[in-house]
Amino acid sequence: MNERPMTSPHSPTLTPADIARVALKRLAELGLPPTPENYTKFYNAIAAIKSPTDKSDAELKSAYQVLFRVSDVLDGMSDTSETLLEDLVRGGEVMSQSLDALRSRSDPTAVKEVLSTLIESTDSVCQTVSNSHRDLQELKSAVDKIQSDLAINRKTLEQDPLTGALNRQGLEHMLAREVKRARRGQLALSVAIIDLDDFKQVNDRFGHLVGDKVLVHFASVTKAVLRESDVLVRYGGEEFLLLLPETDLNGARFLIDRLRQVNVKTPFFHQSQHVDIRFSAGVAELKIDENGHAMLIRADEAMYRAKHEGRDRVIFAD
């Protein structure tokens, strides 16, 4: 097994200084004043992406464009709401004054003038409401499109391009969600970290392209074993992580045993030559007094014990 690098290829690399520079650059490009409010909005939006380094410039540009469209739509909603409120307040004042005038006047001509003013004001308010409704409908359509694009971009940013599994950024999102759900419902939550044994020998013997095919093959085999609620993550180079909601250690043991059986029955061949795929795994179940990352650390330590104790085995964390 290769030594794990200090930073994963899927980890975010934008520092606060980098984010600040990007935020100021975008403000300048859009001709917006660098006010604290504008700066904070763009800084937070860019920081939320935490772009992984394995994404192309086009993918990242697409993600940023969606964020800026969100900003534009929110500004449009704010302007429409502000205009509607101002017109309603102004129309309400005119109507109130007209009603007061009606109460104090008895001359038919004067009453007719007041009624004319009241009708004109009512028509104006109705037109404003109609226009605002149309504008808000257009904004709703824009929001629906943005929501769709956000879902696509989130998948792009959180997915490993080789295997289709989640990357570490996607793991952060799912881990937080599942830990919260487990706490709220008093449900079990387990994680298994898997490392393919002697994967470096596969790369050295057959080349990295075949090594990539082995990773894709193993990911496909694993997906076939998992439930719909389970989560597959490419955790590192040849490491995978299984996030298993509503699963205790016994359930995780059953799943790993099942994965071993299916892996043996679904061999990988390169040019009619069998490439042996075996793995070591560490498994941990979420404790009452720990967070999700502490659970991952225990599973990781258990996996390393499995490697050091002979490989091709599973260790369950205490």
C-alpha atoms as a PDB file:
ATOM      1  CA  MET A   1       0.000   0.000   0.000  1.00  0.00           C
ATOM      2  CA  ASN A   2       1.276   3.454  -0.840  1.00  0.00           C
ATOM      3  CA  GLU A   3       1.910   5.935   1.932  1.00  0.00           C
ATOM      4  CA  ARG A   4      -1.104   8.167   2.274  1.00  0.00           C
ATOM      5  CA  PRO A   5      -0.324  11.777   1.317  1.00  0.00           C
ATOM      6  CA  MET A   6      -0.942  14.480   3.849  1.00  0.00           C
ATOM      7  CA  THR A   7      -3.589  15.987   1.580  1.00  0.00           C
ATOM      8  CA  SER A   8      -6.016  13.964  -0.455  1.00  0.00           C
ATOM      9  CA  PRO A   9      -6.368  14.707  -4.176  1.00  0.00           C
ATOM     10  CA  HIS A  10     -10.004  15.325  -3.403  1.00  0.00           C
ATOM     11  CA  SER A  11      -9.426  17.752  -0.539  1.00  0.00           C
ATOM     12  CA  PRO A  12     -10.244  21.448  -0.948  1.00  0.00           C
ATOM     13  CA  THR A  13      -7.135  23.549  -1.592  1.00  0.00           C
ATOM     14  CA  LEU A  14      -8.503  27.097  -1.494  1.00  0.00           C
ATOM     15  CA  THR A  15      -6.997  29.017   1.415  1.00  0.00           C
ATOM     16  CA  PRO A  16      -8.810  32.005   2.964  1.00  0.00           C
ATOM     17  CA  ALA A  17      -6.416  34.310   1.096  1.00  0.00           C
ATOM     18  CA  ASP A  18      -7.210  32.538  -2.189  1.00  0.00           C
ATOM     19  CA  ILE A  19     -10.938  32.872  -1.567  1.00  0.00           C
ATOM     20  CA  ALA A  20     -10.551  36.567  -0.723  1.00  0.00           C
ATOM     21  CA  ARG A  21      -8.665  37.218  -3.972  1.00  0.00           C
ATOM     22  CA  VAL A  22     -11.299  35.369  -6.023  1.00  0.00           C
ATOM     23  CA  ALA A  23     -14.117  37.257  -4.280  1.00  0.00           C
ATOM     24  CA  LEU A  24     -12.531  40.670  -4.922  1.00  0.00           C
ATOM     25  CA  LYS A  25     -11.803  39.722  -8.530  1.00  0.00           C
ATOM     26  CA  ARG A  26     -15.418  38.715  -9.130  1.00  0.00           C
ATOM     27  CA  LEU A  27     -16.681  41.950  -7.574  1.00  0.00           C
ATOM     28  CA  ALA A  28     -14.452  43.939  -9.932  1.00  0.00           C
ATOM     29  CA  GLU A  29     -15.535  41.882 -12.964  1.00  0.00           C
ATOM     30  CA  LEU A  30     -19.204  42.501 -12.178  1.00  0.00           C
ATOM     31  CA  GLY A  31     -18.660  46.194 -11.454  1.00  0.00           C
ATOM     32  CA  LEU A  32     -19.893  45.876  -7.880  1.00  0.00           C
ATOM     33  CA  PRO A  33     -18.517  48.072  -5.096  1.00  0.00           C
ATOM     34  CA  PRO A  34     -16.346  46.129  -2.604  1.00  0.00           C
ATOM     35  CA  THR A  35     -18.656  46.889   0.301  1.00  0.00           C
ATOM     36  CA  PRO A  36     -18.520  44.596   3.351  1.00  0.00           C
ATOM     37  CA  GLU A  37     -21.941  43.200   2.407  1.00  0.00           C
ATOM     38  CA  ASN A  38     -20.961  42.395  -1.200  1.00  0.00           C
ATOM     39  CA  TYR A  39     -17.576  41.018  -0.175  1.00  0.00           C
ATOM     40  CA  THR A  40     -19.077  38.781   2.518  1.00  0.00           C
ATOM     41  CA  LYS A  41     -21.715  37.427   0.128  1.00  0.00           C
ATOM     42  CA  PHE A  42     -19.168  36.462  -2.521  1.00  0.00           C
ATOM     43  CA  TYR A  43     -16.600  35.187  -0.012  1.00  0.00           C
ATOM     44  CA  ASN A  44     -19.123  32.835   1.594  1.00  0.00           C
ATOM     45  CA  ALA A  45     -20.445  31.659  -1.769  1.00  0.00           C
ATOM     46  CA  ILE A  46     -16.965  30.827  -3.066  1.00  0.00           C
ATOM     47  CA  ALA A  47     -15.864  29.248   0.209  1.00  0.00           C
ATOM     48  CA  ALA A  48     -18.930  26.995   0.128  1.00  0.00           C
ATOM     49  CA  ILE A  49     -17.750  25.379  -3.099  1.00  0.00           C
ATOM     50  CA  LYS A  50     -14.343  24.278  -1.703  1.00  0.00           C
ATOM     51  CA  SER A  51     -13.396  23.187  -5.211  1.00  0.00           C
ATOM     52  CA  PRO A  52     -11.405  19.950  -5.420  1.00  0.00           C
ATOM     53  CA  THR A  53      -8.301  19.995  -7.560  1.00  0.00           C
ATOM     54  CA  ASP A  54      -9.391  17.089  -9.755  1.00  0.00           C
ATOM     55  CA  LYS A  55     -12.153  19.119 -11.414  1.00  0.00           C
ATOM     56  CA  SER A  56     -11.630  20.787 -14.759  1.00  0.00           C
ATOM     57  CA  ASP A  57     -11.704  24.544 -15.229  1.00  0.00           C
ATOM     58  CA  ALA A  58     -14.956  24.181 -17.178  1.00  0.00           C
ATOM     59  CA  GLU A  59     -16.618  22.266 -14.332  1.00  0.00           C
ATOM     60  CA  LEU A  60     -15.524  24.808 -11.740  1.00  0.00           C
ATOM     61  CA  LYS A  61     -16.531  27.717 -13.976  1.00  0.00           C
ATOM     62  CA  SER A  62     -19.981  26.172 -14.349  1.00  0.00           C
ATOM     63  CA  ALA A  63     -20.309  25.846 -10.582  1.00  0.00           C
ATOM     64  CA  TYR A  64     -19.296  29.457  -9.989  1.00  0.00           C
ATOM     65  CA  GLN A  65     -21.709  30.661 -12.687  1.00  0.00           C
ATOM     66  CA  VAL A  66     -24.590  28.996 -10.865  1.00  0.00           C
ATOM     67  CA  LEU A  67     -23.609  30.778  -7.659  1.00  0.00           C
ATOM     68  CA  PHE A  68     -23.556  34.137  -9.393  1.00  0.00           C
ATOM     69  CA  ARG A  69     -26.947  33.404 -10.991  1.00  0.00           C
ATOM     70  CA  VAL A  70     -28.273  32.706  -7.506  1.00  0.00           C
ATOM     71  CA  SER A  71     -26.988  36.131  -6.464  1.00  0.00           C
ATOM     72  CA  ASP A  72     -28.664  37.782  -9.462  1.00  0.00           C
ATOM     73  CA  VAL A  73     -32.009  36.090  -8.795  1.00  0.00           C
ATOM     74  CA  LEU A  74     -31.911  37.015  -5.113  1.00  0.00           C
ATOM     75  CA  ASP A  75     -31.206  40.617  -6.087  1.00  0.00           C
ATOM     76  CA  GLY A  76     -34.132  40.488  -8.542  1.00  0.00           C
ATOM     77  CA  MET A  77     -36.443  39.145  -5.862  1.00  0.00           C
ATOM     78  CA  SER A  78     -35.326  41.876  -3.497  1.00  0.00           C
ATOM     79  CA  ASP A  79     -35.943  44.599  -6.107  1.00  0.00           C
ATOM     80  CA  THR A  80     -39.372  43.221  -7.051  1.00  0.00           C
ATOM     81  CA  SER A  81     -40.445  42.891  -3.429  1.00  0.00           C
ATOM     82  CA  GLU A  82     -39.190  46.389  -2.616  1.00  0.00           C
ATOM     83  CA  THR A  83     -41.046  47.918  -5.587  1.00  0.00           C
ATOM     84  CA  LEU A  84     -44.236  46.062  -4.703  1.00  0.00           C
ATOM     85  CA  LEU A  85     -44.046  47.182  -1.078  1.00  0.00           C
ATOM     86  CA  GLU A  86     -43.413  50.822  -2.013  1.00  0.00           C
ATOM     87  CA  ASP A  87     -46.323  50.888  -4.469  1.00  0.00           C
ATOM     88  CA  LEU A  88     -48.680  49.209  -2.025  1.00  0.00           C
ATOM     89  CA  VAL A  89     -47.759  51.663   0.732  1.00  0.00           C
ATOM     90  CA  ARG A  90     -48.172  54.610  -1.627  1.00  0.00           C
ATOM     91  CA  GLY A  91     -51.494  53.258  -2.944  1.00  0.00           C
ATOM     92  CA  GLY A  92     -52.690  52.615   0.580  1.00  0.00           C
ATOM     93  CA  GLU A  93     -51.938  56.190   1.576  1.00  0.00           C
ATOM     94  CA  VAL A  94     -53.867  57.554  -1.420  1.00  0.00           C
ATOM     95  CA  MET A  95     -56.827  55.289  -0.672  1.00  0.00           C
ATOM     96  CA  SER A  96     -56.831  56.284   2.985  1.00  0.00           C
ATOM     97  CA  GLN A  97     -56.773  59.981   2.090  1.00  0.00           C
ATOM     98  CA  SER A  98     -59.548  59.468  -0.470  1.00  0.00           C
ATOM     99  CA  LEU A  99     -61.753  57.665   2.042  1.00  0.00           C
ATOM    100  CA  ASP A 100     -61.219  60.459   4.569  1.00  0.00           C
ATOM    101  CA  ALA A 101     -62.206  62.967   1.875  1.00  0.00           C
ATOM    102  CA  LEU A 102     -65.354  60.996   1.031  1.00  0.00           C
ATOM    103  CA  ARG A 103     -66.443  61.084   4.656  1.00  0.00           C
ATOM    104  CA  SER A 104     -65.993  64.866   4.896  1.00  0.00           C
ATOM    105  CA  ARG A 105     -67.505  65.960   1.564  1.00  0.00           C
ATOM    106  CA  SER A 106     -71.126  66.080   0.450  1.00  0.00           C
ATOM    107  CA  ASP A 107     -70.784  67.995  -2.824  1.00  0.00           C
ATOM    108  CA  PRO A 108     -71.468  65.516  -5.698  1.00  0.00           C
ATOM    109  CA  THR A 109     -68.743  67.016  -7.893  1.00  0.00           C
ATOM    110  CA  ALA A 110     -66.152  66.769  -5.113  1.00  0.00           C
ATOM    111  CA  VAL A 111     -67.241  63.222  -4.307  1.00  0.00           C
ATOM    112  CA  LYS A 112     -66.917  62.285  -7.979  1.00  0.00           C
ATOM    113  CA  GLU A 113     -63.353  63.660  -8.066  1.00  0.00           C
ATOM    114  CA  VAL A 114     -62.409  61.711  -4.944  1.00  0.00           C
ATOM    115  CA  LEU A 115     -63.942  58.527  -6.360  1.00  0.00           C
ATOM    116  CA  SER A 116     -62.015  59.057  -9.583  1.00  0.00           C
ATOM    117  CA  THR A 117     -58.783  59.372  -7.591  1.00  0.00           C
ATOM    118  CA  LEU A 118     -59.671  56.272  -5.583  1.00  0.00           C
ATOM    119  CA  ILE A 119     -60.398  54.236  -8.712  1.00  0.00           C
ATOM    120  CA  GLU A 120     -57.161  55.402 -10.347  1.00  0.00           C
ATOM    121  CA  SER A 121     -55.165  54.456  -7.262  1.00  0.00           C
ATOM    122  CA  THR A 122     -56.872  51.051  -7.075  1.00  0.00           C
ATOM    123  CA  ASP A 123     -56.119  50.393 -10.757  1.00  0.00           C
ATOM    124  CA  SER A 124     -52.487  51.361 -10.158  1.00  0.00           C
ATOM    125  CA  VAL A 125     -52.165  48.983  -7.214  1.00  0.00           C
ATOM    126  CA  CYS A 126     -53.809  46.173  -9.199  1.00  0.00           C
ATOM    127  CA  GLN A 127     -51.399  46.765 -12.085  1.00  0.00           C
ATOM    128  CA  THR A 128     -48.442  46.755  -9.694  1.00  0.00           C
ATOM    129  CA  VAL A 129     -49.590  43.490  -8.130  1.00  0.00           C
ATOM    130  CA  SER A 130     -50.123  41.964 -11.580  1.00  0.00           C
ATOM    131  CA  ASN A 131     -46.674  43.055 -12.777  1.00  0.00           C
ATOM    132  CA  SER A 132     -45.053  41.840  -9.571  1.00  0.00           C
ATOM    133  CA  HIS A 133     -46.833  38.501  -9.883  1.00  0.00           C
ATOM    134  CA  ARG A 134     -45.495  38.108 -13.413  1.00  0.00           C
ATOM    135  CA  ASP A 135     -41.987  39.090 -12.298  1.00  0.00           C
ATOM    136  CA  LEU A 136     -42.119  36.673  -9.379  1.00  0.00           C
ATOM    137  CA  GLN A 137     -43.318  33.876 -11.664  1.00  0.00           C
ATOM    138  CA  GLU A 138     -40.323  34.513 -13.921  1.00  0.00           C
ATOM    139  CA  LEU A 139     -38.052  34.536 -10.889  1.00  0.00           C
ATOM    140  CA  LYS A 140     -39.603  31.277  -9.686  1.00  0.00           C
ATOM    141  CA  SER A 141     -38.804  29.690 -13.047  1.00  0.00           C
ATOM    142  CA  ALA A 142     -35.237  30.965 -12.720  1.00  0.00           C
ATOM    143  CA  VAL A 143     -35.004  29.538  -9.197  1.00  0.00           C
ATOM    144  CA  ASP A 144     -36.294  26.144 -10.392  1.00  0.00           C
ATOM    145  CA  LYS A 145     -33.639  26.098 -13.121  1.00  0.00           C
ATOM    146  CA  ILE A 146     -30.944  27.102 -10.638  1.00  0.00           C
ATOM    147  CA  GLN A 147     -32.015  24.359  -8.244  1.00  0.00           C
ATOM    148  CA  SER A 148     -31.656  21.844 -11.050  1.00  0.00           C
ATOM    149  CA  ASP A 149     -28.238  23.222 -11.994  1.00  0.00           C
ATOM    150  CA  LEU A 150     -27.146  23.226  -8.352  1.00  0.00           C
ATOM    151  CA  ALA A 151     -28.013  19.551  -8.058  1.00  0.00           C
ATOM    152  CA  ILE A 152     -25.968  18.797 -11.177  1.00  0.00           C
ATOM    153  CA  ASN A 153     -23.034  20.897  -9.983  1.00  0.00           C
ATOM    154  CA  ARG A 154     -23.112  19.401  -6.509  1.00  0.00           C
ATOM    155  CA  LYS A 155     -22.933  15.951  -8.072  1.00  0.00           C
ATOM    156  CA  THR A 156     -20.036  17.078 -10.274  1.00  0.00           C
ATOM    157  CA  LEU A 157     -18.103  18.595  -7.381  1.00  0.00           C
ATOM    158  CA  GLU A 158     -18.764  15.737  -4.963  1.00  0.00           C
ATOM    159  CA  GLN A 159     -18.257  12.777  -7.300  1.00  0.00           C
ATOM    160  CA  ASP A 160     -15.061  10.892  -8.093  1.00  0.00           C
ATOM    161  CA  PRO A 161     -14.778  11.082 -11.898  1.00  0.00           C
ATOM    162  CA  LEU A 162     -13.151   7.653 -12.237  1.00  0.00           C
ATOM    163  CA  THR A 163     -15.396   5.377 -10.180  1.00  0.00           C
ATOM    164  CA  GLY A 164     -18.574   7.421  -9.836  1.00  0.00           C
ATOM    165  CA  ALA A 165     -18.359   7.113  -6.051  1.00  0.00           C
ATOM    166  CA  LEU A 166     -18.491  10.192  -3.854  1.00  0.00           C
ATOM    167  CA  ASN A 167     -15.215  11.968  -3.170  1.00  0.00           C
ATOM    168  CA  ARG A 168     -14.109  13.292   0.218  1.00  0.00           C
ATOM    169  CA  GLN A 169     -16.056  16.500  -0.224  1.00  0.00           C
ATOM    170  CA  GLY A 170     -19.188  14.481  -0.849  1.00  0.00           C
ATOM    171  CA  LEU A 171     -18.378  12.400   2.226  1.00  0.00           C
ATOM    172  CA  GLU A 172     -18.335  15.528   4.408  1.00  0.00           C
ATOM    173  CA  HIS A 173     -21.847  16.370   3.280  1.00  0.00           C
ATOM    174  CA  MET A 174     -23.238  12.851   3.739  1.00  0.00           C
ATOM    175  CA  LEU A 175     -21.415  12.180   7.018  1.00  0.00           C
ATOM    176  CA  ALA A 176     -22.846  15.306   8.637  1.00  0.00           C
ATOM    177  CA  ARG A 177     -26.336  14.386   7.441  1.00  0.00           C
ATOM    178  CA  GLU A 178     -26.217  10.762   8.587  1.00  0.00           C
ATOM    179  CA  VAL A 179     -24.676  11.532  11.988  1.00  0.00           C
ATOM    180  CA  LYS A 180     -27.417  14.077  12.603  1.00  0.00           C
ATOM    181  CA  ARG A 181     -30.075  11.576  11.517  1.00  0.00           C
ATOM    182  CA  ALA A 182     -28.603   8.838  13.714  1.00  0.00           C
ATOM    183  CA  ARG A 183     -28.562  11.152  16.733  1.00  0.00           C
ATOM    184  CA  ARG A 184     -32.098  12.375  16.149  1.00  0.00           C
ATOM    185  CA  GLY A 185     -33.584   8.913  15.655  1.00  0.00           C
ATOM    186  CA  GLN A 186     -31.248   7.028  18.023  1.00  0.00           C
ATOM    187  CA  LEU A 187     -30.175   4.873  15.083  1.00  0.00           C
ATOM    188  CA  ALA A 188     -26.999   2.895  14.503  1.00  0.00           C
ATOM    189  CA  LEU A 189     -24.409   4.206  12.042  1.00  0.00           C
ATOM    190  CA  SER A 190     -21.288   2.356  10.940  1.00  0.00           C
ATOM    191  CA  VAL A 191     -18.419   3.010   8.585  1.00  0.00           C
ATOM    192  CA  ALA A 192     -15.987   0.656   6.856  1.00  0.00           C
ATOM    193  CA  ILE A 193     -12.700   1.802   5.342  1.00  0.00           C
ATOM    194  CA  ILE A 194     -11.353  -0.582   2.716  1.00  0.00           C
ATOM    195  CA  ASP A 195      -7.848  -0.674   1.240  1.00  0.00           C
ATOM    196  CA  LEU A 196      -7.065  -2.860  -1.780  1.00  0.00           C
ATOM    197  CA  ASP A 197      -4.133  -5.099  -0.886  1.00  0.00           C
ATOM    198  CA  ASP A 198      -0.944  -4.925  -2.965  1.00  0.00           C
ATOM    199  CA  PHE A 199      -2.485  -2.422  -5.354  1.00  0.00           C
ATOM    200  CA  LYS A 200       0.941  -0.938  -6.083  1.00  0.00           C
ATOM    201  CA  GLN A 201       1.960  -4.297  -7.548  1.00  0.00           C
ATOM    202  CA  VAL A 202      -1.009  -4.125  -9.927  1.00  0.00           C
ATOM    203  CA  ASN A 203       0.129  -0.703 -11.140  1.00  0.00           C
ATOM    204  CA  ASP A 204       3.760  -1.808 -11.414  1.00  0.00           C
ATOM    205  CA  ARG A 205       2.917  -5.004 -13.270  1.00  0.00           C
ATOM    206  CA  PHE A 206       0.090  -3.926 -15.571  1.00  0.00           C
ATOM    207  CA  GLY A 207       0.302  -0.139 -15.630  1.00  0.00           C
ATOM    208  CA  HIS A 208      -1.839   2.623 -14.190  1.00  0.00           C
ATOM    209  CA  LEU A 209      -4.565   2.323 -16.832  1.00  0.00           C
ATOM    210  CA  VAL A 210      -5.233  -1.248 -15.756  1.00  0.00           C
ATOM    211  CA  GLY A 211      -5.005  -0.105 -12.148  1.00  0.00           C
ATOM    212  CA  ASP A 212      -7.759   2.401 -12.866  1.00  0.00           C
ATOM    213  CA  LYS A 213      -9.884  -0.356 -14.398  1.00  0.00           C
ATOM    214  CA  VAL A 214      -9.389  -2.432 -11.255  1.00  0.00           C
ATOM    215  CA  LEU A 215     -10.662   0.480  -9.150  1.00  0.00           C
ATOM    216  CA  VAL A 216     -13.706   0.900 -11.397  1.00  0.00           C
ATOM    217  CA  HIS A 217     -14.371  -2.852 -11.254  1.00  0.00           C
ATOM    218  CA  PHE A 218     -14.160  -2.981  -7.468  1.00  0.00           C
ATOM    219  CA  ALA A 219     -16.401   0.071  -7.132  1.00  0.00           C
ATOM    220  CA  SER A 220     -19.007  -1.595  -9.362  1.00  0.00           C
ATOM    221  CA  VAL A 221     -18.868  -4.819  -7.349  1.00  0.00           C
ATOM    222  CA  THR A 222     -19.253  -2.865  -4.120  1.00  0.00           C
ATOM    223  CA  LYS A 223     -22.224  -0.871  -5.422  1.00  0.00           C
ATOM    224  CA  ALA A 224     -23.955  -4.144  -6.287  1.00  0.00           C
ATOM    225  CA  VAL A 225     -23.713  -5.226  -2.644  1.00  0.00           C
ATOM    226  CA  LEU A 226     -24.765  -1.955  -1.017  1.00  0.00           C
ATOM    227  CA  ARG A 227     -28.303  -0.906  -0.205  1.00  0.00           C
ATOM    228  CA  GLU A 228     -29.752   2.235  -1.747  1.00  0.00           C
ATOM    229  CA  SER A 229     -29.269   4.073   1.549  1.00  0.00           C
ATOM    230  CA  ASP A 230     -25.582   3.106   1.830  1.00  0.00           C
ATOM    231  CA  VAL A 231     -22.884   5.455   0.555  1.00  0.00           C
ATOM    232  CA  LEU A 232     -19.738   4.526  -1.374  1.00  0.00           C
ATOM    233  CA  VAL A 233     -16.824   6.951  -1.186  1.00  0.00           C
ATOM    234  CA  ARG A 234     -13.456   6.883  -2.886  1.00  0.00           C
ATOM    235  CA  TYR A 235     -11.485   7.779   0.213  1.00  0.00           C
ATOM    236  CA  GLY A 236      -7.989   7.796  -1.267  1.00  0.00           C
ATOM    237  CA  GLY A 237      -5.947   6.294  -4.095  1.00  0.00           C
ATOM    238  CA  GLU A 238      -6.927   2.651  -3.554  1.00  0.00           C
ATOM    239  CA  GLU A 239      -9.064   3.236  -0.484  1.00  0.00           C
ATOM    240  CA  PHE A 240     -12.845   3.157  -0.363  1.00  0.00           C
ATOM    241  CA  LEU A 241     -15.194   4.068   2.451  1.00  0.00           C
ATOM    242  CA  LEU A 242     -18.643   2.643   3.090  1.00  0.00           C
ATOM    243  CA  LEU A 243     -21.039   4.793   5.108  1.00  0.00           C
ATOM    244  CA  LEU A 244     -23.743   2.484   6.444  1.00  0.00           C
ATOM    245  CA  PRO A 245     -26.840   4.117   7.968  1.00  0.00           C
ATOM    246  CA  GLU A 246     -28.976   2.120  10.418  1.00  0.00           C
ATOM    247  CA  THR A 247     -26.241  -0.528  10.574  1.00  0.00           C
ATOM    248  CA  ASP A 248     -24.471  -1.811  13.688  1.00  0.00           C
ATOM    249  CA  LEU A 249     -21.232  -3.821  13.767  1.00  0.00           C
ATOM    250  CA  ASN A 250     -23.050  -7.101  13.127  1.00  0.00           C
ATOM    251  CA  GLY A 251     -24.751  -5.635  10.085  1.00  0.00           C
ATOM    252  CA  ALA A 252     -21.441  -4.236   8.850  1.00  0.00           C
ATOM    253  CA  ARG A 253     -19.791  -7.638   9.350  1.00  0.00           C
ATOM    254  CA  PHE A 254     -22.500  -9.275   7.236  1.00  0.00           C
ATOM    255  CA  LEU A 255     -22.046  -6.695   4.473  1.00  0.00           C
ATOM    256  CA  ILE A 256     -18.245  -7.055   4.374  1.00  0.00           C
ATOM    257  CA  ASP A 257     -18.555 -10.849   4.251  1.00  0.00           C
ATOM    258  CA  ARG A 258     -21.045 -10.504   1.418  1.00  0.00           C
ATOM    259  CA  LEU A 259     -18.693  -8.155  -0.423  1.00  0.00           C
ATOM    260  CA  ARG A 260     -15.872 -10.698  -0.116  1.00  0.00           C
ATOM    261  CA  GLN A 261     -18.073 -13.426  -1.588  1.00  0.00           C
ATOM    262  CA  VAL A 262     -19.264 -11.301  -4.508  1.00  0.00           C
ATOM    263  CA  ASN A 263     -15.721 -10.049  -5.139  1.00  0.00           C
ATOM    264  CA  VAL A 264     -14.449 -13.631  -5.439  1.00  0.00           C
ATOM    265  CA  LYS A 265     -17.326 -14.591  -7.736  1.00  0.00           C
ATOM    266  CA  THR A 266     -16.759 -11.527  -9.946  1.00  0.00           C
ATOM    267  CA  PRO A 267     -13.065 -11.743 -10.907  1.00  0.00           C
ATOM    268  CA  PHE A 268     -11.243  -9.121 -12.938  1.00  0.00           C
ATOM    269  CA  PHE A 269      -9.328 -10.158 -16.044  1.00  0.00           C
ATOM    270  CA  HIS A 270      -6.805  -8.270 -18.129  1.00  0.00           C
ATOM    271  CA  GLN A 271      -6.052  -9.863 -21.485  1.00  0.00           C
ATOM    272  CA  SER A 272      -7.343 -13.221 -20.214  1.00  0.00           C
ATOM    273  CA  GLN A 273      -5.111 -12.959 -17.146  1.00  0.00           C
ATOM    274  CA  HIS A 274      -6.763 -12.977 -13.739  1.00  0.00           C
ATOM    275  CA  VAL A 275      -5.883  -9.988 -11.557  1.00  0.00           C
ATOM    276  CA  ASP A 276      -6.373 -10.933  -7.920  1.00  0.00           C
ATOM    277  CA  ILE A 277      -8.268  -8.313  -5.899  1.00  0.00           C
ATOM    278  CA  ARG A 278      -8.233  -8.631  -2.134  1.00  0.00           C
ATOM    279  CA  PHE A 279      -8.756  -6.060   0.551  1.00  0.00           C
ATOM    280  CA  SER A 280      -8.253  -5.183   4.187  1.00  0.00           C
ATOM    281  CA  ALA A 281     -10.908  -3.290   6.090  1.00  0.00           C
ATOM    282  CA  GLY A 282     -11.472  -1.459   9.343  1.00  0.00           C
ATOM    283  CA  VAL A 283     -14.986  -1.031  10.707  1.00  0.00           C
ATOM    284  CA  ALA A 284     -16.329   1.273  13.423  1.00  0.00           C
ATOM    285  CA  GLU A 285     -19.775   2.064  14.798  1.00  0.00           C
ATOM    286  CA  LEU A 286     -20.696   5.563  15.945  1.00  0.00           C
ATOM    287  CA  LYS A 287     -20.512   5.932  19.719  1.00  0.00           C
ATOM    288  CA  ILE A 288     -22.864   8.087  21.742  1.00  0.00           C
ATOM    289  CA  ASP A 289     -20.100  10.449  22.855  1.00  0.00           C
ATOM    290  CA  GLU A 290     -18.218  10.928  19.561  1.00  0.00           C
ATOM    291  CA  ASN A 291     -18.640  12.822  16.308  1.00  0.00           C
ATOM    292  CA  GLY A 292     -18.493  11.426  12.804  1.00  0.00           C
ATOM    293  CA  HIS A 293     -14.824  12.228  12.250  1.00  0.00           C
ATOM    294  CA  ALA A 294     -13.835  10.402  15.437  1.00  0.00           C
ATOM    295  CA  MET A 295     -15.647   7.338  14.095  1.00  0.00           C
ATOM    296  CA  LEU A 296     -13.680   7.619  10.826  1.00  0.00           C
ATOM    297  CA  ILE A 297     -10.398   7.815  12.731  1.00  0.00           C
ATOM    298  CA  ARG A 298     -11.193   4.615  14.631  1.00  0.00           C
ATOM    299  CA  ALA A 299     -12.149   2.822  11.414  1.00  0.00           C
ATOM    300  CA  ASP A 300      -8.953   4.051   9.746  1.00  0.00           C
ATOM    301  CA  GLU A 301      -6.820   2.825  12.632  1.00  0.00           C
ATOM    302  CA  ALA A 302      -8.571  -0.557  12.510  1.00  0.00           C
ATOM    303  CA  MET A 303      -7.905  -0.803   8.770  1.00  0.00           C
ATOM    304  CA  TYR A 304      -4.188  -0.149   9.312  1.00  0.00           C
ATOM    305  CA  ARG A 305      -4.110  -2.852  11.981  1.00  0.00           C
ATOM    306  CA  ALA A 306      -5.635  -5.234   9.446  1.00  0.00           C
ATOM    307  CA  LYS A 307      -2.866  -4.344   6.974  1.00  0.00           C
ATOM    308  CA  HIS A 308      -0.120  -4.858   9.540  1.00  0.00           C
ATOM    309  CA  GLU A 309      -1.575  -8.146  10.809  1.00  0.00           C
ATOM    310  CA  GLY A 310      -1.334  -9.854   7.439  1.00  0.00           C
ATOM    311  CA  ARG A 311      -3.828  -8.158   5.097  1.00  0.00           C
ATOM    312  CA  ASP A 312      -6.916  -9.718   3.519  1.00  0.00           C
ATOM    313  CA  ARG A 313      -8.822  -9.382   6.788  1.00  0.00           C
ATOM    314  CA  VAL A 314     -11.239  -7.172   8.701  1.00  0.00           C
ATOM    315  CA  ILE A 315     -10.645  -5.524  12.075  1.00  0.00           C
ATOM    316  CA  PHE A 316     -13.514  -4.082  14.091  1.00  0.00           C
ATOM    317  CA  ALA A 317     -12.683  -1.018  16.149  1.00  0.00           C
ATOM    318  CA  ASP A 318     -13.241  -1.066  19.903  1.00  0.00           C
END
